[in-house]
PDB file of N, CA and C in Angstrom:
ATOM      1  N   MET A   1     244.983  53.661 111.823  1.00  0.00           N
ATOM      2  CA  MET A   1     243.479  53.773 112.283  1.00  0.00           C
ATOM      3  C   MET A   1     242.830  52.679 110.889  1.00  0.00           C
ATOM      4  N   ASN A   2     241.830  52.156 110.969  1.00  0.00           N
ATOM      5  CA  ASN A   2     241.103  50.747 109.857  1.00  0.00           C
ATOM      6  C   ASN A   2     240.783  52.139 108.890  1.00  0.00           C
ATOM      7  N   PRO A   3     241.247  51.867 107.678  1.00  0.00           N
ATOM      8  CA  PRO A   3     240.962  52.938 106.265  1.00  0.00           C
ATOM      9  C   PRO A   3     239.250  52.708 106.241  1.00  0.00           C
ATOM     10  N   ILE A   4     238.502  52.177 105.914  1.00  0.00           N
ATOM     11  CA  ILE A   4     237.357  52.435 106.179  1.00  0.00           C
ATOM     12  C   ILE A   4     236.648  53.028 107.157  1.00  0.00           C
ATOM     13  N   ILE A   5     236.983  52.810 108.317  1.00  0.00           N
ATOM     14  CA  ILE A   5     236.544  53.804 109.117  1.00  0.00           C
ATOM     15  C   ILE A   5     236.862  54.998 109.358  1.00  0.00           C
ATOM     16  N   LEU A   6     238.270  55.622 108.616  1.00  0.00           N
ATOM     17  CA  LEU A   6     238.890  56.587 108.467  1.00  0.00           C
ATOM     18  C   LEU A   6     237.644  57.242 107.033  1.00  0.00           C
ATOM     19  N   ILE A   7     237.435  56.835 106.178  1.00  0.00           N
ATOM     20  CA  ILE A   7     236.598  57.154 105.306  1.00  0.00           C
ATOM     21  C   ILE A   7     234.962  57.569 105.984  1.00  0.00           C
ATOM     22  N   LEU A   8     234.649  56.556 106.819  1.00  0.00           N
ATOM     23  CA  LEU A   8     233.382  56.877 107.143  1.00  0.00           C
ATOM     24  C   LEU A   8     233.389  58.172 108.006  1.00  0.00           C
ATOM     25  N   VAL A   9     234.498  58.333 108.564  1.00  0.00           N
ATOM     26  CA  VAL A   9     234.089  59.280 109.469  1.00  0.00           C
ATOM     27  C   VAL A   9     234.830  61.023 108.098  1.00  0.00           C
ATOM     28  N   VAL A  10     235.271  60.753 107.640  1.00  0.00           N
ATOM     29  CA  VAL A  10     234.875  61.802 106.314  1.00  0.00           C
ATOM     30  C   VAL A  10     233.553  61.659 105.723  1.00  0.00           C
ATOM     31  N   ILE A  11     233.406  61.138 105.081  1.00  0.00           N
ATOM     32  CA  ILE A  11     231.795  60.967 105.170  1.00  0.00           C
ATOM     33  C   ILE A  11     231.116  61.671 105.778  1.00  0.00           C
ATOM     34  N   GLY A  12     230.975  60.774 106.703  1.00  0.00           N
ATOM     35  CA  GLY A  12     230.239  61.857 107.771  1.00  0.00           C
ATOM     36  C   GLY A  12     230.148  62.814 107.978  1.00  0.00           C
ATOM     37  N   GLY A  13     231.480  63.739 108.632  1.00  0.00           N
ATOM     38  CA  GLY A  13     231.621  64.686 108.323  1.00  0.00           C
ATOM     39  C   GLY A  13     231.420  65.640 107.439  1.00  0.00           C
ATOM     40  N   ALA A  14     231.092  64.913 106.277  1.00  0.00           N
ATOM     41  CA  ALA A  14     231.223  66.400 105.200  1.00  0.00           C
ATOM     42  C   ALA A  14     229.620  66.356 105.097  1.00  0.00           C
ATOM     43  N   VAL A  15     228.607  65.217 105.301  1.00  0.00           N
ATOM     44  CA  VAL A  15     227.318  65.513 104.726  1.00  0.00           C
ATOM     45  C   VAL A  15     226.827  66.277 106.220  1.00  0.00           C
ATOM     46  N   GLY A  16     227.419  66.397 107.264  1.00  0.00           N
ATOM     47  CA  GLY A  16     226.939  67.378 108.979  1.00  0.00           C
ATOM     48  C   GLY A  16     227.248  68.591 107.931  1.00  0.00           C
ATOM     49  N   GLY A  17     228.237  68.519 107.867  1.00  0.00           N
ATOM     50  CA  GLY A  17     228.725  70.233 107.225  1.00  0.00           C
ATOM     51  C   GLY A  17     228.289  70.696 106.131  1.00  0.00           C
ATOM     52  N   LEU A  18     227.806  70.028 105.114  1.00  0.00           N
ATOM     53  CA  LEU A  18     226.862  70.143 104.059  1.00  0.00           C
ATOM     54  C   LEU A  18     225.517  70.621 104.255  1.00  0.00           C
ATOM     55  N   SER A  19     225.002  69.835 105.752  1.00  0.00           N
ATOM     56  CA  SER A  19     223.856  69.960 106.204  1.00  0.00           C
ATOM     57  C   SER A  19     223.737  71.475 106.912  1.00  0.00           C
ATOM     58  N   THR A  20     224.364  71.372 108.005  1.00  0.00           N
ATOM     59  CA  THR A  20     224.746  72.875 108.486  1.00  0.00           C
ATOM     60  C   THR A  20     224.786  74.351 107.225  1.00  0.00           C
ATOM     61  N   LEU A  21     225.350  73.823 106.620  1.00  0.00           N
ATOM     62  CA  LEU A  21     226.011  75.127 105.127  1.00  0.00           C
ATOM     63  C   LEU A  21     224.407  75.127 104.747  1.00  0.00           C
ATOM     64  N   TYR A  22     223.360  74.107 104.688  1.00  0.00           N
ATOM     65  CA  TYR A  22     222.491  74.589 103.749  1.00  0.00           C
ATOM     66  C   TYR A  22     221.400  74.994 104.826  1.00  0.00           C
ATOM     67  N   ILE A  23     221.555  74.593 106.156  1.00  0.00           N
ATOM     68  CA  ILE A  23     220.380  75.191 106.746  1.00  0.00           C
ATOM     69  C   ILE A  23     220.985  76.667 106.898  1.00  0.00           C
ATOM     70  N   VAL A  24     221.791  77.069 107.541  1.00  0.00           N
ATOM     71  CA  VAL A  24     222.461  78.290 107.792  1.00  0.00           C
ATOM     72  C   VAL A  24     221.658  79.551 106.397  1.00  0.00           C
ATOM     73  N   PHE A  25     222.088  79.205 105.035  1.00  0.00           N
ATOM     74  CA  PHE A  25     221.632  79.519 104.035  1.00  0.00           C
ATOM     75  C   PHE A  25     220.599  79.818 103.662  1.00  0.00           C
ATOM     76  N   SER A  26     219.879  79.237 103.534  1.00  0.00           N
ATOM     77  CA  SER A  26     218.225  78.524 103.555  1.00  0.00           C
ATOM     78  C   SER A  26     217.063  79.648 104.734  1.00  0.00           C
ATOM     79  N   LEU A  27     218.277  80.320 106.070  1.00  0.00           N
ATOM     80  CA  LEU A  27     217.770  80.655 107.186  1.00  0.00           C
ATOM     81  C   LEU A  27     217.811  82.299 106.457  1.00  0.00           C
ATOM     82  N   PHE A  28     218.564  82.548 106.215  1.00  0.00           N
ATOM     83  CA  PHE A  28     219.221  83.692 105.410  1.00  0.00           C
ATOM     84  C   PHE A  28     218.398  84.059 104.163  1.00  0.00           C
ATOM     85  N   GLY A  29     218.332  83.223 103.555  1.00  0.00           N
ATOM     86  CA  GLY A  29     217.569  83.370 102.097  1.00  0.00           C
ATOM     87  C   GLY A  29     215.771  83.733 102.864  1.00  0.00           C
ATOM     88  N   THR A  30     215.753  83.106 103.348  1.00  0.00           N
ATOM     89  CA  THR A  30     214.174  83.195 103.949  1.00  0.00           C
ATOM     90  C   THR A  30     214.217  84.609 104.650  1.00  0.00           C
ATOM     91  N   LEU A  31     214.909  84.890 105.379  1.00  0.00           N
ATOM     92  CA  LEU A  31     215.202  86.440 105.832  1.00  0.00           C
ATOM     93  C   LEU A  31     214.729  87.476 104.846  1.00  0.00           C
ATOM     94  N   GLY A  32     215.384  86.885 104.058  1.00  0.00           N
ATOM     95  CA  GLY A  32     216.004  88.078 103.068  1.00  0.00           C
ATOM     96  C   GLY A  32     214.321  88.579 101.933  1.00  0.00           C
ATOM     97  N   TYR A  33     213.777  87.421 101.865  1.00  0.00           N
ATOM     98  CA  TYR A  33     212.620  87.231 100.975  1.00  0.00           C
ATOM     99  C   TYR A  33     211.793  87.594 102.156  1.00  0.00           C
ATOM    100  N   LYS A  34     211.404  87.208 103.018  1.00  0.00           N
ATOM    101  CA  LYS A  34     210.558  87.871 103.657  1.00  0.00           C
ATOM    102  C   LYS A  34     210.960  89.620 104.172  1.00  0.00           C
ATOM    103  N   ILE A  35     211.886  90.166 104.389  1.00  0.00           N
ATOM    104  CA  ILE A  35     212.194  91.881 104.561  1.00  0.00           C
ATOM    105  C   ILE A  35     211.864  92.454 102.929  1.00  0.00           C
ATOM    106  N   PHE A  36     212.211  91.435 101.688  1.00  0.00           N
ATOM    107  CA  PHE A  36     211.794  92.101 100.567  1.00  0.00           C
ATOM    108  C   PHE A  36     210.902  92.072 100.166  1.00  0.00           C
ATOM    109  N   ARG A  37     209.956  91.048 100.603  1.00  0.00           N
ATOM    110  CA  ARG A  37     208.628  91.201 100.404  1.00  0.00           C
ATOM    111  C   ARG A  37     207.667  91.994 101.167  1.00  0.00           C
ATOM    112  N   LYS A  38     208.457  92.422 102.793  1.00  0.00           N
ATOM    113  CA  LYS A  38     208.116  93.858 103.428  1.00  0.00           C
ATOM    114  C   LYS A  38     208.402  95.045 102.711  1.00  0.00           C
ATOM    115  N   VAL A  39     209.038  95.105 102.436  1.00  0.00           N
ATOM    116  CA  VAL A  39     209.712  96.066 101.559  1.00  0.00           C
ATOM    117  C   VAL A  39     208.766  96.617 100.205  1.00  0.00           C
ATOM    118  N   LYS A  40     208.464  95.999  99.432  1.00  0.00           N
ATOM    119  CA  LYS A  40     208.075  95.466  98.437  1.00  0.00           C
ATOM    120  C   LYS A  40     206.379  95.932  98.262  1.00  0.00           C
ATOM    121  N   TYR A  41     206.155  95.231  99.056  1.00  0.00           N
ATOM    122  CA  TYR A  41     204.665  94.844  99.141  1.00  0.00           C
ATOM    123  C   TYR A  41     204.138  95.169 100.094  1.00  0.00           C
ATOM    124  N   GLY A  42     204.912  95.498 101.224  1.00  0.00           N
ATOM    125  CA  GLY A  42     203.835  95.709 102.537  1.00  0.00           C
ATOM    126  C   GLY A  42     203.296  94.618 103.378  1.00  0.00           C
ATOM    127  N   ILE A  43     203.462  93.268 102.979  1.00  0.00           N
ATOM    128  CA  ILE A  43     203.292  92.210 103.393  1.00  0.00           C
ATOM    129  C   ILE A  43     204.064  91.803 104.801  1.00  0.00           C
ATOM    130  N   SER A  44     203.205  91.322 105.741  1.00  0.00           N
ATOM    131  CA  SER A  44     204.148  91.189 106.905  1.00  0.00           C
ATOM    132  C   SER A  44     204.424  90.451 107.326  1.00  0.00           C
ATOM    133  N   LEU A  45     206.009  90.596 107.918  1.00  0.00           N
ATOM    134  CA  LEU A  45     207.110  89.015 108.225  1.00  0.00           C
ATOM    135  C   LEU A  45     205.974  88.138 108.572  1.00  0.00           C
ATOM    136  N   PHE A  46     204.738  87.817 109.798  1.00  0.00           N
ATOM    137  CA  PHE A  46     204.775  86.277 110.047  1.00  0.00           C
ATOM    138  C   PHE A  46     204.182  85.921 109.059  1.00  0.00           C
ATOM    139  N   ASN A  47     203.893  85.868 107.933  1.00  0.00           N
ATOM    140  CA  ASN A  47     202.236  85.894 107.382  1.00  0.00           C
ATOM    141  C   ASN A  47     203.464  84.902 106.188  1.00  0.00           C
TER     142      ASN A  47
END
């Protein structure tokens, strides 16, 4: 394979993987924050 194409494939894969990890961690972080507020302050989960 052409080395330039191989580099682009690796960079594209890394960007896709990092964005996926960010979405997963932010989802669980948001859920955890909402549950924490519900337990501590009694605020609705939907606000």
